Amino acid sequence: MNSMPWTMFPSSPTEPRPRLRSALASFRADQSGAVAVDWVVLSGAVVGLGIAVTLVVSGGLEDLTGEIQLSLAEMDAQSGFIERLQEFGQALTGFSDGTGGWSGGDVVSMDGIGDVYQVGPQSTIGGSWDLPPGTAQATVEFDLYGLDTLNNEPATITVNGQVAGIVTVDNGTATFTSVNGGTTTFEANSMSQGTDLNGNGHADTRTQVRLTVSNPGDSVSVQVSSDAHANVDNESYAIDDFRVTAN
């Protein structure tokens, strides 16, 4: 019996060799590149969501933009509404925060009245306020107080260098004189007469003055001159709630 030489074969023809088996195990356990794949998927989802949101809200944004543009155009057509607010902030005052652009007098706190701008005897107070370009008409309003022992002593009101009107107080009674001519209309409305307004034991007056100025130019100036002879402790004129508006 002839003997055949032994030949070494793998125990199974399908069993991987050790090196191949090790390479397959390493490949299966390796995570390199997995994060990049995940980010590609997530980025695509975010981009798609952004496009969808843009399509939904773009129509509404266009409508809102058009409304804002129309509103701003209307403001500009109304003689510069925003600029007026800025320019007239200093021209609205009750004198609780200072003189409001007036000079020549004193801010005084009076019992029963509050803070007013007082005119000394034989003195003049005044100020000037800028107007928006193209102003066709300016309106000046304020309260004029005639206090204590005024005896037929007038207060003369001047606008842009021209006398517009005169308020004369005589023992608690005010009379008004309008000076015709020029570009200013003078109106006076009695708010209180014969009443002790400041607690000094004398009859006082309060007159609401309205001055309408046509074609005022780029500014309006106002002066109030007192013809009182006694010192301010005995008699005086004073103003309050001053306002300038433009049209």
Protein backbone atom coordinates (compact mmCIF):
# COMPACT_ATOMS: atom_id res chain seq x y z
CA MET A 1 0.00 0.00 0.00
CA ASN A 2 1.50 3.14 -1.14
CA SER A 3 1.47 5.98 1.36
CA MET A 4 0.54 9.48 0.19
CA PRO A 5 2.32 12.56 1.51
CA TRP A 6 0.38 14.76 3.90
CA THR A 7 -0.80 18.18 2.56
CA MET A 8 -1.95 21.00 4.92
CA PHE A 9 -5.36 22.50 3.97
CA PRO A 10 -7.49 24.95 5.95
CA SER A 11 -10.06 23.28 8.09
CA SER A 12 -12.75 25.06 6.05
CA PRO A 13 -12.43 26.54 2.56
CA THR A 14 -14.59 29.55 3.52
CA GLU A 15 -12.81 30.52 6.72
CA PRO A 16 -10.90 33.82 6.31
CA ARG A 17 -7.26 33.83 6.92
CA PRO A 18 -6.08 35.61 10.12
CA ARG A 19 -4.89 38.79 8.39
CA LEU A 20 -8.05 39.18 6.35
CA ARG A 21 -10.19 38.53 9.41
CA SER A 22 -8.35 41.25 11.33
CA ALA A 23 -8.76 43.78 8.48
CA LEU A 24 -12.49 43.14 8.28
CA ALA A 25 -12.89 43.61 12.03
CA SER A 26 -10.98 46.91 11.93
CA PHE A 27 -13.07 48.23 9.06
CA ARG A 28 -16.29 47.35 10.84
CA ALA A 29 -15.23 49.13 14.05
CA ASP A 30 -13.81 52.23 12.34
CA GLN A 31 -16.07 55.41 12.68
CA SER A 32 -14.00 57.78 10.53
CA GLY A 33 -16.24 59.80 8.15
CA ALA A 34 -19.52 58.98 9.92
CA VAL A 35 -19.86 62.51 11.34
CA ALA A 36 -19.38 64.06 7.91
CA VAL A 37 -22.17 61.91 6.53
CA ASP A 38 -24.49 62.94 9.38
CA TRP A 39 -23.73 66.66 8.85
CA VAL A 40 -24.53 66.38 5.15
CA VAL A 41 -27.96 65.02 5.99
CA LEU A 42 -28.63 67.58 8.74
CA SER A 43 -27.42 70.51 6.63
CA GLY A 44 -29.68 69.50 3.80
CA ALA A 45 -32.64 69.37 6.18
CA VAL A 46 -31.88 72.84 7.60
CA VAL A 47 -31.54 74.37 4.13
CA GLY A 48 -34.83 72.83 3.07
CA LEU A 49 -36.56 74.15 6.19
CA GLY A 50 -35.16 77.66 5.57
CA ILE A 51 -36.46 77.67 2.01
CA ALA A 52 -39.88 76.56 3.20
CA VAL A 53 -40.06 79.30 5.86
CA THR A 54 -38.96 81.95 3.35
CA LEU A 55 -41.69 80.95 0.94
CA VAL A 56 -44.29 81.17 3.72
CA VAL A 57 -43.36 84.61 5.16
CA SER A 58 -42.04 86.42 2.08
CA GLY A 59 -45.49 87.54 0.94
CA GLY A 60 -46.34 89.03 4.34
CA LEU A 61 -43.01 90.81 4.56
CA GLU A 62 -43.53 92.39 1.16
CA ASP A 63 -46.96 93.68 2.20
CA LEU A 64 -45.58 95.09 5.49
CA THR A 65 -42.68 96.77 3.69
CA GLY A 66 -45.08 98.46 1.30
CA GLU A 67 -47.22 99.74 4.18
CA ILE A 68 -44.18 101.18 5.99
CA GLN A 69 -43.01 102.90 2.82
CA LEU A 70 -46.46 104.43 2.30
CA SER A 71 -46.62 105.66 5.91
CA LEU A 72 -43.20 107.30 5.66
CA ALA A 73 -44.17 108.98 2.40
CA GLU A 74 -47.31 110.39 4.04
CA MET A 75 -45.24 111.79 6.92
CA ASP A 76 -42.94 113.54 4.45
CA ALA A 77 -45.94 114.98 2.60
CA GLN A 78 -47.28 116.46 5.83
CA SER A 79 -44.49 119.05 6.02
CA GLY A 80 -41.98 116.89 7.82
CA PHE A 81 -43.84 115.62 10.87
CA ILE A 82 -40.77 114.07 12.51
CA GLU A 83 -38.66 117.19 12.02
CA ARG A 84 -41.38 119.30 13.62
CA LEU A 85 -41.39 117.17 16.70
CA GLN A 86 -37.64 117.60 17.05
CA GLU A 87 -37.65 121.33 16.37
CA PHE A 88 -40.58 122.17 18.61
CA GLY A 89 -39.57 120.14 21.63
CA GLN A 90 -37.98 123.29 23.09
CA ALA A 91 -40.98 125.47 22.22
CA LEU A 92 -43.47 123.66 24.43
CA THR A 93 -43.05 124.61 28.05
CA GLY A 94 -44.81 125.13 31.34
CA PHE A 95 -41.53 126.46 32.80
CA SER A 96 -41.20 123.61 35.28
CA ASP A 97 -37.98 122.53 33.54
CA GLY A 98 -36.48 125.95 32.78
CA THR A 99 -37.06 128.97 30.57
CA GLY A 100 -37.97 127.08 27.35
CA GLY A 101 -36.01 129.55 25.21
CA TRP A 102 -37.26 132.73 26.93
CA SER A 103 -34.95 135.36 28.39
CA GLY A 104 -35.20 138.64 30.28
CA GLY A 105 -37.32 137.39 33.20
CA ASP A 106 -37.34 134.80 35.96
CA VAL A 107 -38.97 131.43 36.52
CA VAL A 108 -41.03 131.78 39.70
CA SER A 109 -43.12 129.20 41.54
CA MET A 110 -46.39 130.79 42.72
CA ASP A 111 -48.89 129.35 45.15
CA GLY A 112 -52.08 128.33 43.39
CA ILE A 113 -50.54 128.77 39.92
CA GLY A 114 -47.27 126.86 39.73
CA ASP A 115 -44.15 127.72 37.74
CA VAL A 116 -44.46 130.83 35.55
CA TYR A 117 -42.07 133.16 33.72
CA GLN A 118 -42.33 136.56 35.38
CA VAL A 119 -41.70 139.98 33.82
CA GLY A 120 -40.08 142.67 35.95
CA PRO A 121 -41.32 146.30 36.11
CA GLN A 122 -40.68 148.28 32.93
CA SER A 123 -39.04 145.17 31.46
CA THR A 124 -39.36 142.90 28.43
CA ILE A 125 -39.11 139.15 28.08
CA GLY A 126 -38.74 137.40 24.74
CA GLY A 127 -37.45 134.54 22.66
CA SER A 128 -37.14 133.21 19.13
CA TRP A 129 -38.02 129.73 17.84
CA ASP A 130 -37.04 128.09 14.55
CA LEU A 131 -39.73 126.92 12.14
CA PRO A 132 -39.62 124.11 9.56
CA PRO A 133 -38.83 125.24 5.99
CA GLY A 134 -41.90 126.26 4.05
CA THR A 135 -44.06 127.05 7.08
CA ALA A 136 -47.10 128.98 5.83
CA GLN A 137 -48.54 129.80 9.23
CA ALA A 138 -47.30 129.72 12.83
CA THR A 139 -49.49 129.82 15.92
CA VAL A 140 -48.24 131.13 19.26
CA GLU A 141 -50.28 130.46 22.39
CA PHE A 142 -49.72 131.24 26.08
CA ASP A 143 -51.46 132.26 29.28
CA LEU A 144 -50.81 135.80 30.49
CA TYR A 145 -51.29 136.51 34.20
CA GLY A 146 -51.90 140.03 35.53
CA LEU A 147 -51.07 139.85 39.23
CA ASP A 148 -51.72 141.86 42.38
CA THR A 149 -51.95 145.68 42.31
CA LEU A 150 -51.74 146.39 38.59
CA ASN A 151 -53.60 149.66 38.04
CA ASN A 152 -54.27 150.33 34.38
CA GLU A 153 -50.73 149.25 33.47
CA PRO A 154 -50.55 147.39 30.12
CA ALA A 155 -48.56 144.47 28.78
CA THR A 156 -47.59 144.88 25.12
CA ILE A 157 -47.15 141.77 22.95
CA THR A 158 -44.84 141.93 19.94
CA VAL A 159 -44.37 139.31 17.22
CA ASN A 160 -41.45 139.43 14.78
CA GLY A 161 -40.78 143.05 15.69
CA GLN A 162 -44.38 144.28 15.23
CA VAL A 163 -46.84 145.07 18.02
CA ALA A 164 -49.72 142.59 17.76
CA GLY A 165 -51.85 143.34 20.82
CA ILE A 166 -52.09 144.90 24.27
CA VAL A 167 -53.55 143.49 27.49
CA THR A 168 -54.31 146.06 30.19
CA VAL A 169 -55.13 145.01 33.76
CA ASP A 170 -56.85 147.38 36.16
CA ASN A 171 -57.57 146.03 39.66
CA GLY A 172 -58.40 142.51 38.52
CA THR A 173 -60.12 143.38 35.23
CA ALA A 174 -58.39 142.79 31.88
CA THR A 175 -59.15 144.57 28.63
CA PHE A 176 -57.69 143.71 25.22
CA THR A 177 -56.57 145.77 22.25
CA SER A 178 -55.73 144.26 18.88
CA VAL A 179 -53.31 146.20 16.71
CA ASN A 180 -54.35 145.90 13.07
CA GLY A 181 -51.83 145.57 10.29
CA GLY A 182 -48.90 143.30 9.68
CA THR A 183 -49.10 139.54 9.32
CA THR A 184 -50.19 138.64 12.87
CA THR A 185 -53.74 138.15 14.17
CA PHE A 186 -54.16 138.78 17.91
CA GLU A 187 -56.85 136.98 19.94
CA ALA A 188 -57.40 137.17 23.70
CA ASN A 189 -59.79 135.09 25.80
CA SER A 190 -60.41 135.90 29.46
CA MET A 191 -60.05 132.76 31.60
CA SER A 192 -60.27 134.43 35.03
CA GLN A 193 -60.90 137.95 36.30
CA GLY A 194 -61.21 139.43 39.78
CA THR A 195 -59.96 136.26 41.52
CA ASP A 196 -57.04 135.96 43.92
CA LEU A 197 -55.06 133.37 41.98
CA ASN A 198 -51.74 133.44 43.86
CA GLY A 199 -52.98 133.93 47.40
CA ASN A 200 -51.64 137.47 47.84
CA GLY A 201 -55.00 138.97 48.71
CA HIS A 202 -55.45 140.88 45.44
CA ALA A 203 -57.66 140.39 42.40
CA ASP A 204 -55.73 138.77 39.53
CA THR A 205 -56.45 137.96 35.89
CA ARG A 206 -55.59 135.13 33.54
CA THR A 207 -55.85 135.70 29.79
CA GLN A 208 -55.33 133.12 27.07
CA VAL A 209 -53.44 134.77 24.20
CA ARG A 210 -53.37 133.35 20.67
CA LEU A 211 -51.24 134.85 17.90
CA THR A 212 -51.55 133.61 14.32
CA VAL A 213 -48.64 134.58 12.08
CA SER A 214 -48.91 134.28 8.29
CA ASN A 215 -45.74 133.61 6.27
CA PRO A 216 -43.48 133.91 9.33
CA GLY A 217 -40.26 132.91 7.58
CA ASP A 218 -37.76 130.55 9.16
CA SER A 219 -38.43 131.64 12.77
CA VAL A 220 -40.93 133.40 15.00
CA SER A 221 -39.97 135.79 17.80
CA VAL A 222 -42.25 136.88 20.62
CA GLN A 223 -41.84 139.64 23.23
CA VAL A 224 -43.96 140.65 26.21
CA SER A 225 -43.25 144.10 27.70
CA SER A 226 -44.60 145.11 31.11
CA ASP A 227 -45.49 148.71 31.98
CA ALA A 228 -45.80 147.89 35.69
CA HIS A 229 -44.12 150.43 37.99
CA ALA A 230 -43.93 148.61 41.34
CA ASN A 231 -41.61 145.69 42.03
CA VAL A 232 -42.68 142.10 41.37
CA ASP A 233 -43.64 141.55 45.02
CA ASN A 234 -46.47 144.06 44.55
CA GLU A 235 -47.50 143.64 40.91
CA SER A 236 -46.35 141.91 37.75
CA TYR A 237 -47.20 140.11 34.54
CA ALA A 238 -46.23 136.48 33.99
CA ILE A 239 -46.70 133.87 31.27
CA ASP A 240 -47.32 130.14 31.38
CA ASP A 241 -48.14 127.17 29.09
CA PHE A 242 -46.31 128.61 26.08
CA ARG A 243 -46.69 126.77 22.76
CA VAL A 244 -45.59 127.27 19.15
CA THR A 245 -47.00 125.17 16.30
CA ALA A 246 -46.50 125.38 12.54
CA ASN A 247 -48.73 124.60 9.58
